[in-house]
């Protein structure tokens, strides 16, 4: 019975890793659609969102079933609770990828201008944070997870800087208002992806070390 439970936990872990990989691809593709001005790529991201939603439902159903039928304790219980939270965060990251893709589609044909450089820097940082948070989960690497958490304030500052710059452009050049509003939306979506990657990192520490990082490192019973 224990071996069967362990096999199901491992299958669930692999499915969550697959979902993480799919969401990573969605973020990368949405950013490429934006930087390349490709409506086709943007529409492909939007179309694939159903696959992410389907995976989320499968993972949630399996995790809930294991919680209900196996009544796990200690690290297995933390793992299943963490999976449910990470699963939800990954689905939301997928939604933000769709938001970015929709913005990219609306911006097709618009000439690039200076604030886009800041957004590119944000997008690169967000992709690194997401990759590291997933790597930390896979390896149960609390140190790497902590590294992701420490980057979140830096990303927030970048977002604020981009938005300030865009607001200045809007005030000085009213013709750019609609363009700037789209880029503000992209910047905010990237910042939210960074927040969700941070959540994943925090949940990885919870699984590995029984610490609630959001609440000043409170330790739980192992």
N, C-alpha and C. Protein backbone atom coordinates (compact mmCIF):
# COMPACT_ATOMS: atom_id res chain seq x y z
N UNK A 1 0.83 -1.20 0.00
CA UNK A 1 0.00 0.00 0.00
C UNK A 1 0.87 1.26 0.00
N UNK A 2 1.93 1.27 0.85
CA UNK A 2 2.80 2.43 0.91
C UNK A 2 3.52 2.65 -0.41
N UNK A 3 3.92 1.54 -1.07
CA UNK A 3 4.60 1.65 -2.35
C UNK A 3 3.68 2.25 -3.40
N UNK A 4 2.43 1.83 -3.39
CA UNK A 4 1.44 2.37 -4.33
C UNK A 4 1.25 3.86 -4.09
N UNK A 5 1.16 4.26 -2.84
CA UNK A 5 1.00 5.68 -2.50
C UNK A 5 2.22 6.48 -2.97
N UNK A 6 3.40 5.94 -2.75
CA UNK A 6 4.63 6.62 -3.18
C UNK A 6 4.67 6.77 -4.70
N UNK A 7 4.19 5.75 -5.41
CA UNK A 7 4.16 5.82 -6.88
C UNK A 7 3.19 6.90 -7.35
N UNK A 8 2.06 7.01 -6.69
CA UNK A 8 1.08 8.04 -7.07
C UNK A 8 1.61 9.44 -6.75
N UNK A 9 2.32 9.57 -5.64
CA UNK A 9 2.94 10.87 -5.32
C UNK A 9 3.95 11.26 -6.38
N UNK A 10 4.76 10.30 -6.80
CA UNK A 10 5.77 10.58 -7.82
C UNK A 10 5.12 10.93 -9.16
N UNK A 11 4.05 10.23 -9.51
CA UNK A 11 3.34 10.54 -10.75
C UNK A 11 2.75 11.95 -10.69
N UNK A 12 2.24 12.31 -9.52
CA UNK A 12 1.69 13.66 -9.34
C UNK A 12 2.78 14.71 -9.46
N UNK A 13 3.93 14.43 -8.86
CA UNK A 13 5.06 15.35 -8.94
C UNK A 13 5.49 15.55 -10.40
N UNK A 14 5.54 14.47 -11.15
CA UNK A 14 5.95 14.56 -12.56
C UNK A 14 4.93 15.34 -13.38
N UNK A 15 3.66 15.16 -13.05
CA UNK A 15 2.63 15.90 -13.79
C UNK A 15 2.71 17.39 -13.49
N UNK A 16 3.02 17.72 -12.23
CA UNK A 16 3.17 19.15 -11.89
C UNK A 16 4.39 19.74 -12.59
N UNK A 17 5.47 18.97 -12.68
CA UNK A 17 6.66 19.42 -13.40
C UNK A 17 6.33 19.66 -14.87
N UNK A 18 5.52 18.76 -15.45
CA UNK A 18 5.08 18.93 -16.84
C UNK A 18 4.29 20.22 -16.99
N UNK A 19 3.41 20.50 -16.04
CA UNK A 19 2.63 21.73 -16.11
C UNK A 19 3.55 22.94 -16.01
N UNK A 20 4.54 22.87 -15.12
CA UNK A 20 5.50 23.96 -15.01
C UNK A 20 6.21 24.21 -16.32
N UNK A 21 6.59 23.13 -17.01
CA UNK A 21 7.27 23.25 -18.30
C UNK A 21 6.36 23.91 -19.33
N UNK A 22 5.08 23.52 -19.35
CA UNK A 22 4.14 24.10 -20.29
C UNK A 22 3.93 25.59 -20.03
N UNK A 23 3.84 25.95 -18.76
CA UNK A 23 3.65 27.36 -18.41
C UNK A 23 4.88 28.18 -18.77
N UNK A 24 6.06 27.61 -18.54
CA UNK A 24 7.29 28.28 -18.96
C UNK A 24 7.27 28.58 -20.45
N UNK A 25 6.85 27.60 -21.24
CA UNK A 25 6.77 27.79 -22.70
C UNK A 25 5.77 28.90 -23.04
N UNK A 26 4.67 28.95 -22.30
CA UNK A 26 3.66 29.97 -22.56
C UNK A 26 4.21 31.37 -22.29
N UNK A 27 4.91 31.53 -21.18
CA UNK A 27 5.50 32.83 -20.86
C UNK A 27 6.52 33.22 -21.92
N UNK A 28 7.40 32.29 -22.26
CA UNK A 28 8.43 32.57 -23.26
C UNK A 28 7.81 32.94 -24.61
N UNK A 29 6.78 32.20 -25.02
CA UNK A 29 6.14 32.46 -26.30
C UNK A 29 5.39 33.79 -26.31
N UNK A 30 4.77 34.14 -25.18
CA UNK A 30 4.04 35.41 -25.12
C UNK A 30 5.00 36.59 -25.22
N UNK A 31 6.16 36.46 -24.59
CA UNK A 31 7.16 37.53 -24.65
C UNK A 31 7.74 37.63 -26.07
N UNK A 32 7.96 36.48 -26.70
CA UNK A 32 8.45 36.49 -28.08
C UNK A 32 7.43 37.13 -29.01
N UNK A 33 6.14 36.84 -28.78
CA UNK A 33 5.09 37.46 -29.59
C UNK A 33 5.13 38.97 -29.45
N UNK A 34 5.40 39.44 -28.24
CA UNK A 34 5.47 40.88 -27.98
C UNK A 34 6.68 41.50 -28.66
N UNK A 35 7.85 40.89 -28.45
CA UNK A 35 9.08 41.49 -28.96
C UNK A 35 9.19 41.37 -30.48
N UNK A 36 8.60 40.31 -31.05
CA UNK A 36 8.67 40.11 -32.49
C UNK A 36 7.47 40.69 -33.23
N UNK A 37 6.49 41.16 -32.49
CA UNK A 37 5.30 41.73 -33.12
C UNK A 37 4.54 40.70 -33.94
N UNK A 38 4.41 39.49 -33.38
CA UNK A 38 3.78 38.39 -34.12
C UNK A 38 2.39 38.08 -33.60
N UNK A 39 1.38 38.42 -34.38
CA UNK A 39 0.01 38.11 -34.00
C UNK A 39 -0.23 36.60 -34.01
N UNK A 40 0.42 35.90 -34.93
CA UNK A 40 0.26 34.45 -35.02
C UNK A 40 0.76 33.77 -33.75
N UNK A 41 1.93 34.18 -33.28
CA UNK A 41 2.47 33.61 -32.05
C UNK A 41 1.60 33.94 -30.85
N UNK A 42 1.07 35.16 -30.84
CA UNK A 42 0.20 35.56 -29.74
C UNK A 42 -1.06 34.70 -29.70
N UNK A 43 -1.65 34.46 -30.85
CA UNK A 43 -2.86 33.64 -30.91
C UNK A 43 -2.58 32.18 -30.51
N UNK A 44 -1.37 31.70 -30.82
CA UNK A 44 -1.01 30.33 -30.43
C UNK A 44 -0.96 30.20 -28.91
N UNK A 45 -0.43 31.22 -28.24
CA UNK A 45 -0.39 31.21 -26.77
C UNK A 45 -1.81 31.16 -26.21
N UNK A 46 -2.67 31.99 -26.76
CA UNK A 46 -4.06 32.05 -26.29
C UNK A 46 -4.75 30.70 -26.47
N UNK A 47 -4.51 30.06 -27.61
CA UNK A 47 -5.15 28.77 -27.91
C UNK A 47 -4.68 27.66 -26.98
N UNK A 48 -3.40 27.71 -26.56
CA UNK A 48 -2.86 26.64 -25.72
C UNK A 48 -3.28 26.76 -24.26
N UNK A 49 -3.94 27.84 -23.90
CA UNK A 49 -4.33 28.02 -22.49
C UNK A 49 -5.26 26.92 -22.02
N UNK A 50 -6.06 26.37 -22.91
CA UNK A 50 -6.97 25.28 -22.54
C UNK A 50 -6.19 24.06 -22.07
N UNK A 51 -5.03 23.80 -22.67
CA UNK A 51 -4.21 22.67 -22.25
C UNK A 51 -3.71 22.85 -20.82
N UNK A 52 -3.32 24.09 -20.49
CA UNK A 52 -2.86 24.38 -19.13
C UNK A 52 -4.00 24.20 -18.13
N UNK A 53 -5.17 24.68 -18.50
CA UNK A 53 -6.34 24.54 -17.61
C UNK A 53 -6.68 23.07 -17.39
N UNK A 54 -6.56 22.28 -18.44
CA UNK A 54 -6.87 20.85 -18.34
C UNK A 54 -5.88 20.16 -17.38
N UNK A 55 -4.62 20.50 -17.50
CA UNK A 55 -3.61 19.93 -16.61
C UNK A 55 -3.87 20.33 -15.16
N UNK A 56 -4.25 21.59 -14.96
CA UNK A 56 -4.53 22.06 -13.59
C UNK A 56 -5.64 21.22 -12.96
N UNK A 57 -6.71 20.98 -13.73
CA UNK A 57 -7.83 20.20 -13.21
C UNK A 57 -7.41 18.77 -12.86
N UNK A 58 -6.60 18.16 -13.72
CA UNK A 58 -6.14 16.80 -13.48
C UNK A 58 -5.30 16.71 -12.20
N UNK A 59 -4.39 17.66 -12.04
CA UNK A 59 -3.51 17.66 -10.87
C UNK A 59 -4.32 17.89 -9.60
N UNK A 60 -5.25 18.82 -9.65
CA UNK A 60 -6.07 19.13 -8.47
C UNK A 60 -6.90 17.91 -8.06
N UNK A 61 -7.51 17.25 -9.02
CA UNK A 61 -8.33 16.08 -8.71
C UNK A 61 -7.50 14.97 -8.08
N UNK A 62 -6.31 14.72 -8.64
CA UNK A 62 -5.46 13.67 -8.10
C UNK A 62 -4.98 14.01 -6.68
N UNK A 63 -4.57 15.24 -6.47
CA UNK A 63 -4.08 15.64 -5.15
C UNK A 63 -5.18 15.55 -4.10
N UNK A 64 -6.37 15.99 -4.45
CA UNK A 64 -7.49 15.93 -3.51
C UNK A 64 -7.85 14.48 -3.19
N UNK A 65 -7.81 13.64 -4.21
CA UNK A 65 -8.10 12.22 -3.99
C UNK A 65 -7.09 11.59 -3.04
N UNK A 66 -5.81 11.90 -3.22
CA UNK A 66 -4.77 11.36 -2.34
C UNK A 66 -4.93 11.88 -0.92
N UNK A 67 -5.30 13.14 -0.78
CA UNK A 67 -5.53 13.69 0.55
C UNK A 67 -6.70 12.99 1.24
N UNK A 68 -7.76 12.74 0.48
CA UNK A 68 -8.96 12.17 1.07
C UNK A 68 -8.82 10.68 1.39
N UNK A 69 -8.17 9.93 0.50
CA UNK A 69 -8.13 8.48 0.64
C UNK A 69 -6.94 7.97 1.44
N UNK A 70 -5.82 8.67 1.35
CA UNK A 70 -4.59 8.16 1.98
C UNK A 70 -4.32 8.79 3.35
N UNK A 71 -4.93 9.93 3.64
CA UNK A 71 -4.74 10.63 4.90
C UNK A 71 -3.26 10.75 5.27
N UNK A 72 -2.48 11.39 4.40
CA UNK A 72 -1.03 11.48 4.63
C UNK A 72 -0.69 12.38 5.82
N UNK A 73 0.51 12.20 6.36
CA UNK A 73 0.97 13.03 7.46
C UNK A 73 2.37 13.57 7.13
N UNK A 74 2.81 14.54 7.94
CA UNK A 74 4.17 15.09 7.86
C UNK A 74 4.51 15.55 6.44
N UNK A 75 5.65 15.10 5.92
CA UNK A 75 6.16 15.64 4.67
C UNK A 75 5.23 15.33 3.49
N UNK A 76 4.57 14.17 3.50
CA UNK A 76 3.65 13.84 2.41
C UNK A 76 2.45 14.78 2.41
N UNK A 77 1.98 15.11 3.59
CA UNK A 77 0.88 16.06 3.69
C UNK A 77 1.31 17.44 3.19
N UNK A 78 2.49 17.87 3.61
CA UNK A 78 3.00 19.17 3.15
C UNK A 78 3.18 19.17 1.63
N UNK A 79 3.65 18.05 1.11
CA UNK A 79 3.84 17.95 -0.33
C UNK A 79 2.52 18.14 -1.08
N UNK A 80 1.48 17.45 -0.64
CA UNK A 80 0.19 17.54 -1.33
C UNK A 80 -0.42 18.94 -1.20
N UNK A 81 -0.31 19.51 -0.01
CA UNK A 81 -0.80 20.89 0.16
C UNK A 81 0.00 21.84 -0.75
N UNK A 82 1.32 21.65 -0.79
CA UNK A 82 2.17 22.47 -1.65
C UNK A 82 1.83 22.30 -3.11
N UNK A 83 1.56 21.07 -3.53
CA UNK A 83 1.19 20.81 -4.93
C UNK A 83 -0.08 21.57 -5.30
N UNK A 84 -1.07 21.53 -4.43
CA UNK A 84 -2.32 22.25 -4.72
C UNK A 84 -2.08 23.74 -4.89
N UNK A 85 -1.22 24.31 -4.04
CA UNK A 85 -0.94 25.75 -4.13
C UNK A 85 -0.11 26.08 -5.36
N UNK A 86 0.93 25.28 -5.63
CA UNK A 86 1.78 25.53 -6.79
C UNK A 86 0.98 25.34 -8.08
N UNK A 87 0.13 24.32 -8.10
CA UNK A 87 -0.72 24.06 -9.26
C UNK A 87 -1.57 25.29 -9.60
N UNK A 88 -2.16 25.88 -8.57
CA UNK A 88 -2.98 27.08 -8.77
C UNK A 88 -2.13 28.25 -9.26
N UNK A 89 -0.93 28.41 -8.69
CA UNK A 89 -0.06 29.49 -9.10
C UNK A 89 0.38 29.33 -10.55
N UNK A 90 0.66 28.10 -10.97
CA UNK A 90 1.07 27.86 -12.35
C UNK A 90 -0.07 28.19 -13.32
N UNK A 91 -1.29 27.82 -12.95
CA UNK A 91 -2.43 28.15 -13.81
C UNK A 91 -2.58 29.65 -13.95
N UNK A 92 -2.37 30.37 -12.87
CA UNK A 92 -2.47 31.83 -12.92
C UNK A 92 -1.35 32.43 -13.75
N UNK A 93 -0.15 31.84 -13.70
CA UNK A 93 0.93 32.30 -14.56
C UNK A 93 0.54 32.11 -16.02
N UNK A 94 -0.10 30.98 -16.31
CA UNK A 94 -0.60 30.75 -17.67
C UNK A 94 -1.58 31.83 -18.10
N UNK A 95 -2.43 32.25 -17.17
CA UNK A 95 -3.38 33.32 -17.48
C UNK A 95 -2.66 34.63 -17.78
N UNK A 96 -1.59 34.91 -17.03
CA UNK A 96 -0.82 36.13 -17.29
C UNK A 96 -0.12 36.05 -18.65
N UNK A 97 0.31 34.85 -19.03
CA UNK A 97 0.90 34.68 -20.36
C UNK A 97 -0.13 35.03 -21.44
N UNK A 98 -1.36 34.61 -21.23
CA UNK A 98 -2.43 34.94 -22.17
C UNK A 98 -2.66 36.46 -22.22
N UNK A 99 -2.66 37.09 -21.05
CA UNK A 99 -2.83 38.55 -21.01
C UNK A 99 -1.74 39.26 -21.80
N UNK A 100 -0.50 38.80 -21.64
CA UNK A 100 0.62 39.40 -22.37
C UNK A 100 0.45 39.16 -23.86
N UNK A 101 0.04 37.95 -24.22
CA UNK A 101 -0.16 37.63 -25.64
C UNK A 101 -1.27 38.48 -26.25
N UNK A 102 -2.33 38.70 -25.51
CA UNK A 102 -3.42 39.54 -26.01
C UNK A 102 -2.94 40.97 -26.22
N UNK A 103 -2.11 41.46 -25.28
CA UNK A 103 -1.53 42.79 -25.46
C UNK A 103 -0.61 42.84 -26.65
N UNK A 104 0.18 41.77 -26.84
CA UNK A 104 1.09 41.70 -27.99
C UNK A 104 0.32 41.75 -29.30
N UNK A 105 -0.80 41.06 -29.32
CA UNK A 105 -1.62 41.04 -30.54
C UNK A 105 -2.15 42.44 -30.86
N UNK A 106 -2.56 43.16 -29.83
CA UNK A 106 -3.07 44.52 -30.05
C UNK A 106 -1.97 45.49 -30.47
N UNK A 107 -0.72 45.18 -30.10
CA UNK A 107 0.40 46.08 -30.41
C UNK A 107 1.08 45.76 -31.74
N UNK A 108 0.62 44.75 -32.43
CA UNK A 108 1.23 44.39 -33.71
C UNK A 108 1.19 45.59 -34.66
N UNK A 109 2.33 45.90 -35.25
CA UNK A 109 2.42 47.02 -36.18
C UNK A 109 2.80 48.34 -35.54
N UNK A 110 2.78 48.39 -34.21
CA UNK A 110 3.20 49.62 -33.52
C UNK A 110 4.73 49.68 -33.47
N UNK A 111 5.32 50.82 -33.72
CA UNK A 111 6.79 50.92 -33.65
C UNK A 111 7.27 50.83 -32.20
N UNK A 112 8.39 50.14 -31.94
CA UNK A 112 8.93 50.05 -30.58
C UNK A 112 9.47 51.40 -30.12
N UNK A 113 9.49 51.62 -28.80
CA UNK A 113 10.14 52.81 -28.28
C UNK A 113 10.75 52.52 -26.92
N UNK A 114 11.41 53.50 -26.35
CA UNK A 114 12.34 53.32 -25.25
C UNK A 114 11.85 52.45 -24.08
N UNK A 115 10.65 52.64 -23.54
CA UNK A 115 10.25 51.85 -22.36
C UNK A 115 10.24 50.34 -22.60
N UNK A 116 10.16 49.94 -23.86
CA UNK A 116 10.16 48.50 -24.16
C UNK A 116 11.45 47.84 -23.70
N UNK A 117 12.53 48.62 -23.61
CA UNK A 117 13.81 48.08 -23.14
C UNK A 117 13.68 47.61 -21.69
N UNK A 118 13.01 48.41 -20.87
CA UNK A 118 12.79 48.02 -19.47
C UNK A 118 11.91 46.79 -19.36
N UNK A 119 10.94 46.67 -20.24
CA UNK A 119 10.07 45.49 -20.23
C UNK A 119 10.84 44.25 -20.64
N UNK A 120 11.74 44.40 -21.60
CA UNK A 120 12.57 43.24 -21.98
C UNK A 120 13.43 42.78 -20.80
N UNK A 121 13.98 43.74 -20.06
CA UNK A 121 14.79 43.39 -18.89
C UNK A 121 13.93 42.68 -17.84
N UNK A 122 12.71 43.17 -17.64
CA UNK A 122 11.79 42.51 -16.71
C UNK A 122 11.47 41.10 -17.16
N UNK A 123 11.20 40.94 -18.46
CA UNK A 123 10.81 39.63 -18.97
C UNK A 123 11.94 38.61 -18.79
N UNK A 124 13.17 39.05 -18.99
CA UNK A 124 14.32 38.16 -18.80
C UNK A 124 14.42 37.73 -17.33
N UNK A 125 14.23 38.70 -16.43
CA UNK A 125 14.32 38.40 -15.00
C UNK A 125 13.19 37.46 -14.57
N UNK A 126 12.00 37.70 -15.07
CA UNK A 126 10.85 36.87 -14.72
C UNK A 126 11.06 35.43 -15.17
N UNK A 127 11.59 35.25 -16.37
CA UNK A 127 11.83 33.90 -16.86
C UNK A 127 12.86 33.17 -16.01
N UNK A 128 13.88 33.89 -15.56
CA UNK A 128 14.88 33.28 -14.69
C UNK A 128 14.24 32.89 -13.34
N UNK A 129 13.44 33.79 -12.78
CA UNK A 129 12.79 33.50 -11.50
C UNK A 129 11.88 32.28 -11.61
N UNK A 130 11.11 32.20 -12.68
CA UNK A 130 10.21 31.07 -12.86
C UNK A 130 11.00 29.77 -13.01
N UNK A 131 12.06 29.82 -13.83
CA UNK A 131 12.89 28.63 -14.02
C UNK A 131 13.52 28.18 -12.70
N UNK A 132 14.04 29.12 -11.95
CA UNK A 132 14.68 28.78 -10.68
C UNK A 132 13.68 28.26 -9.66
N UNK A 133 12.48 28.82 -9.64
CA UNK A 133 11.48 28.35 -8.68
C UNK A 133 11.08 26.91 -9.00
N UNK A 134 10.96 26.58 -10.28
CA UNK A 134 10.62 25.21 -10.67
C UNK A 134 11.79 24.25 -10.41
N UNK A 135 13.00 24.72 -10.69
CA UNK A 135 14.18 23.90 -10.38
C UNK A 135 14.27 23.62 -8.88
N UNK A 136 13.97 24.64 -8.09
CA UNK A 136 14.00 24.48 -6.64
C UNK A 136 12.98 23.45 -6.18
N UNK A 137 11.79 23.49 -6.77
CA UNK A 137 10.76 22.50 -6.43
C UNK A 137 11.21 21.10 -6.81
N UNK A 138 11.74 20.95 -8.04
CA UNK A 138 12.16 19.63 -8.52
C UNK A 138 13.23 19.04 -7.61
N UNK A 139 14.21 19.87 -7.24
CA UNK A 139 15.35 19.39 -6.43
C UNK A 139 15.12 19.53 -4.93
N UNK A 140 13.96 20.11 -4.55
CA UNK A 140 13.70 20.44 -3.14
C UNK A 140 14.89 21.22 -2.57
N UNK A 141 15.24 22.26 -3.29
CA UNK A 141 16.41 23.08 -2.97
C UNK A 141 15.95 24.38 -2.32
N UNK A 142 15.94 24.40 -1.01
CA UNK A 142 15.46 25.57 -0.27
C UNK A 142 16.35 26.79 -0.49
N UNK A 143 17.65 26.57 -0.67
CA UNK A 143 18.58 27.69 -0.90
C UNK A 143 18.27 28.39 -2.22
N UNK A 144 18.01 27.62 -3.26
CA UNK A 144 17.65 28.20 -4.55
C UNK A 144 16.30 28.91 -4.47
N UNK A 145 15.37 28.31 -3.73
CA UNK A 145 14.07 28.94 -3.54
C UNK A 145 14.22 30.29 -2.85
N UNK A 146 15.09 30.37 -1.85
CA UNK A 146 15.34 31.63 -1.16
C UNK A 146 15.92 32.67 -2.11
N UNK A 147 16.74 32.23 -3.04
CA UNK A 147 17.31 33.15 -4.03
C UNK A 147 16.22 33.79 -4.88
N UNK A 148 15.22 33.00 -5.24
CA UNK A 148 14.09 33.53 -6.00
C UNK A 148 13.35 34.59 -5.19
N UNK A 149 13.09 34.27 -3.94
CA UNK A 149 12.36 35.19 -3.07
C UNK A 149 13.08 36.54 -2.97
N UNK A 150 14.39 36.49 -2.88
CA UNK A 150 15.18 37.72 -2.73
C UNK A 150 15.16 38.59 -3.99
N UNK A 151 14.81 38.01 -5.12
CA UNK A 151 14.76 38.77 -6.37
C UNK A 151 13.46 39.54 -6.54
N UNK A 152 12.46 39.21 -5.75
CA UNK A 152 11.12 39.77 -5.98
C UNK A 152 11.09 41.29 -5.80
N UNK A 153 11.77 41.80 -4.79
CA UNK A 153 11.79 43.26 -4.58
C UNK A 153 12.48 43.98 -5.74
N UNK A 154 13.50 43.35 -6.30
CA UNK A 154 14.21 43.95 -7.44
C UNK A 154 13.26 44.05 -8.63
N UNK A 155 12.49 42.99 -8.87
CA UNK A 155 11.52 43.00 -9.97
C UNK A 155 10.45 44.06 -9.75
N UNK A 156 9.99 44.19 -8.51
CA UNK A 156 8.99 45.21 -8.19
C UNK A 156 9.52 46.61 -8.52
N UNK A 157 10.77 46.85 -8.20
CA UNK A 157 11.38 48.16 -8.49
C UNK A 157 11.48 48.40 -9.99
N UNK A 158 11.80 47.36 -10.74
CA UNK A 158 11.86 47.48 -12.20
C UNK A 158 10.48 47.83 -12.76
N UNK A 159 9.47 47.16 -12.24
CA UNK A 159 8.10 47.43 -12.68
C UNK A 159 7.71 48.89 -12.41
N UNK A 160 8.02 49.36 -11.22
CA UNK A 160 7.70 50.76 -10.87
C UNK A 160 8.44 51.72 -11.79
N UNK A 161 9.70 51.42 -12.11
CA UNK A 161 10.47 52.29 -13.00
C UNK A 161 9.90 52.34 -14.40
N UNK A 162 9.49 51.18 -14.92
CA UNK A 162 8.89 51.14 -16.26
C UNK A 162 7.59 51.93 -16.29
N UNK A 163 6.76 51.75 -15.28
CA UNK A 163 5.48 52.45 -15.24
C UNK A 163 5.68 53.96 -15.14
N UNK A 164 6.62 54.40 -14.31
CA UNK A 164 6.90 55.84 -14.21
C UNK A 164 7.32 56.40 -15.57
N UNK A 165 8.17 55.68 -16.26
CA UNK A 165 8.64 56.13 -17.57
C UNK A 165 7.48 56.20 -18.57
N UNK A 166 6.62 55.21 -18.54
CA UNK A 166 5.48 55.20 -19.46
C UNK A 166 4.50 56.32 -19.15
N UNK A 167 4.28 56.60 -17.87
CA UNK A 167 3.40 57.70 -17.50
C UNK A 167 3.96 59.04 -17.98
N UNK A 168 5.28 59.19 -17.94
CA UNK A 168 5.92 60.41 -18.45
C UNK A 168 5.68 60.55 -19.94
N UNK A 169 5.85 59.45 -20.68
CA UNK A 169 5.58 59.48 -22.13
C UNK A 169 4.14 59.86 -22.41
N UNK A 170 3.20 59.33 -21.63
CA UNK A 170 1.79 59.61 -21.84
C UNK A 170 1.49 61.09 -21.63
N UNK A 171 2.13 61.67 -20.60
CA UNK A 171 1.91 63.10 -20.31
C UNK A 171 2.50 63.99 -21.39
N UNK A 172 3.66 63.58 -21.93
CA UNK A 172 4.34 64.40 -22.91
C UNK A 172 3.84 64.19 -24.33
N UNK A 173 3.34 62.97 -24.63
CA UNK A 173 2.91 62.65 -25.99
C UNK A 173 1.58 61.91 -25.95
N UNK A 174 0.47 62.63 -25.93
CA UNK A 174 -0.85 62.00 -25.83
C UNK A 174 -1.12 60.95 -26.91
N UNK A 175 -0.49 61.09 -28.05
CA UNK A 175 -0.71 60.12 -29.13
C UNK A 175 -0.23 58.72 -28.75
N UNK A 176 0.64 58.63 -27.74
CA UNK A 176 1.19 57.35 -27.32
C UNK A 176 0.42 56.72 -26.15
N UNK A 177 -0.67 57.35 -25.74
CA UNK A 177 -1.38 56.89 -24.54
C UNK A 177 -1.82 55.43 -24.67
N UNK A 178 -2.47 55.06 -25.77
CA UNK A 178 -2.97 53.69 -25.89
C UNK A 178 -1.81 52.68 -25.91
N UNK A 179 -0.73 53.05 -26.60
CA UNK A 179 0.45 52.19 -26.65
C UNK A 179 1.04 52.02 -25.24
N UNK A 180 1.15 53.11 -24.53
CA UNK A 180 1.72 53.07 -23.19
C UNK A 180 0.86 52.26 -22.23
N UNK A 181 -0.46 52.39 -22.36
CA UNK A 181 -1.35 51.63 -21.49
C UNK A 181 -1.19 50.13 -21.70
N UNK A 182 -0.99 49.73 -22.96
CA UNK A 182 -0.76 48.31 -23.24
C UNK A 182 0.53 47.84 -22.58
N UNK A 183 1.57 48.65 -22.68
CA UNK A 183 2.86 48.28 -22.09
C UNK A 183 2.80 48.28 -20.57
N UNK A 184 2.03 49.18 -19.98
CA UNK A 184 1.83 49.16 -18.52
C UNK A 184 1.18 47.85 -18.11
N UNK A 185 0.19 47.41 -18.89
CA UNK A 185 -0.48 46.14 -18.59
C UNK A 185 0.51 44.98 -18.68
N UNK A 186 1.35 44.99 -19.70
CA UNK A 186 2.37 43.94 -19.84
C UNK A 186 3.30 43.93 -18.64
N UNK A 187 3.76 45.13 -18.25
CA UNK A 187 4.67 45.25 -17.12
C UNK A 187 4.04 44.71 -15.84
N UNK A 188 2.78 45.04 -15.62
CA UNK A 188 2.08 44.56 -14.42
C UNK A 188 1.90 43.05 -14.44
N UNK A 189 1.63 42.50 -15.63
CA UNK A 189 1.50 41.05 -15.74
C UNK A 189 2.82 40.35 -15.46
N UNK A 190 3.91 40.92 -15.95
CA UNK A 190 5.23 40.34 -15.66
C UNK A 190 5.53 40.39 -14.17
N UNK A 191 5.18 41.50 -13.54
CA UNK A 191 5.41 41.63 -12.09
C UNK A 191 4.61 40.58 -11.32
N UNK A 192 3.39 40.31 -11.78
CA UNK A 192 2.57 39.30 -11.12
C UNK A 192 3.14 37.90 -11.31
N UNK A 193 3.71 37.63 -12.49
CA UNK A 193 4.36 36.34 -12.71
C UNK A 193 5.52 36.17 -11.73
N UNK A 194 6.27 37.26 -11.51
CA UNK A 194 7.35 37.22 -10.52
C UNK A 194 6.82 36.92 -9.13
N UNK A 195 5.69 37.52 -8.77
CA UNK A 195 5.08 37.24 -7.47
C UNK A 195 4.71 35.76 -7.34
N UNK A 196 4.15 35.21 -8.41
CA UNK A 196 3.72 33.82 -8.37
C UNK A 196 4.91 32.86 -8.35
N UNK A 197 5.99 33.21 -9.05
CA UNK A 197 7.21 32.42 -8.96
C UNK A 197 7.75 32.45 -7.53
N UNK A 198 7.62 33.60 -6.88
CA UNK A 198 8.03 33.72 -5.48
C UNK A 198 7.16 32.83 -4.59
N UNK A 199 5.86 32.79 -4.87
CA UNK A 199 4.97 31.90 -4.12
C UNK A 199 5.42 30.45 -4.24
N UNK A 200 5.79 30.04 -5.46
CA UNK A 200 6.24 28.67 -5.67
C UNK A 200 7.50 28.40 -4.85
N UNK A 201 8.40 29.36 -4.84
CA UNK A 201 9.62 29.22 -4.04
C UNK A 201 9.29 29.09 -2.55
N UNK A 202 8.36 29.91 -2.08
CA UNK A 202 7.97 29.84 -0.67
C UNK A 202 7.34 28.49 -0.34
N UNK A 203 6.53 27.97 -1.25
CA UNK A 203 5.90 26.67 -1.01
C UNK A 203 6.92 25.54 -1.05
N UNK A 204 7.97 25.70 -1.85
CA UNK A 204 9.04 24.71 -1.88
C UNK A 204 9.75 24.65 -0.52
N UNK A 205 9.99 25.80 0.08
CA UNK A 205 10.60 25.84 1.41
C UNK A 205 9.66 25.21 2.44
N UNK A 206 8.37 25.47 2.30
CA UNK A 206 7.37 24.86 3.18
C UNK A 206 7.43 23.34 3.09
N UNK A 207 7.49 22.82 1.87
CA UNK A 207 7.54 21.37 1.67
C UNK A 207 8.83 20.79 2.25
N UNK A 208 9.95 21.44 1.95
CA UNK A 208 11.26 20.88 2.29
C UNK A 208 11.63 21.06 3.76
N UNK A 209 11.30 22.23 4.31
CA UNK A 209 11.81 22.55 5.65
C UNK A 209 10.72 22.79 6.70
N UNK A 210 9.44 22.63 6.29
CA UNK A 210 8.32 22.86 7.22
C UNK A 210 8.35 24.27 7.79
N UNK A 211 8.72 25.23 6.95
CA UNK A 211 8.73 26.64 7.36
C UNK A 211 7.77 27.44 6.51
N UNK A 212 6.95 28.26 7.17
CA UNK A 212 6.07 29.18 6.46
C UNK A 212 6.82 30.50 6.30
N UNK A 213 7.45 30.67 5.17
CA UNK A 213 8.30 31.85 4.95
C UNK A 213 7.48 33.13 4.98
N UNK A 214 6.22 33.05 4.56
CA UNK A 214 5.37 34.24 4.53
C UNK A 214 5.09 34.76 5.94
N UNK A 215 5.26 33.90 6.92
CA UNK A 215 4.96 34.28 8.31
C UNK A 215 6.21 34.19 9.17
N UNK A 216 7.27 34.87 8.70
CA UNK A 216 8.50 35.03 9.49
C UNK A 216 9.17 33.69 9.84
N UNK A 217 9.11 32.74 8.90
CA UNK A 217 9.84 31.49 9.09
C UNK A 217 9.34 30.63 10.22
N UNK A 218 8.03 30.63 10.48
CA UNK A 218 7.46 29.79 11.54
C UNK A 218 7.67 28.32 11.19
N UNK A 219 8.23 27.55 12.12
CA UNK A 219 8.47 26.14 11.88
C UNK A 219 7.27 25.32 12.31
N UNK A 220 6.97 24.29 11.48
CA UNK A 220 5.87 23.40 11.78
C UNK A 220 6.43 22.05 12.23
N UNK A 221 5.58 21.23 12.81
CA UNK A 221 5.99 19.88 13.19
C UNK A 221 6.29 19.06 11.96
N UNK A 222 7.38 18.32 12.00
CA UNK A 222 7.73 17.47 10.88
C UNK A 222 7.05 16.12 10.99
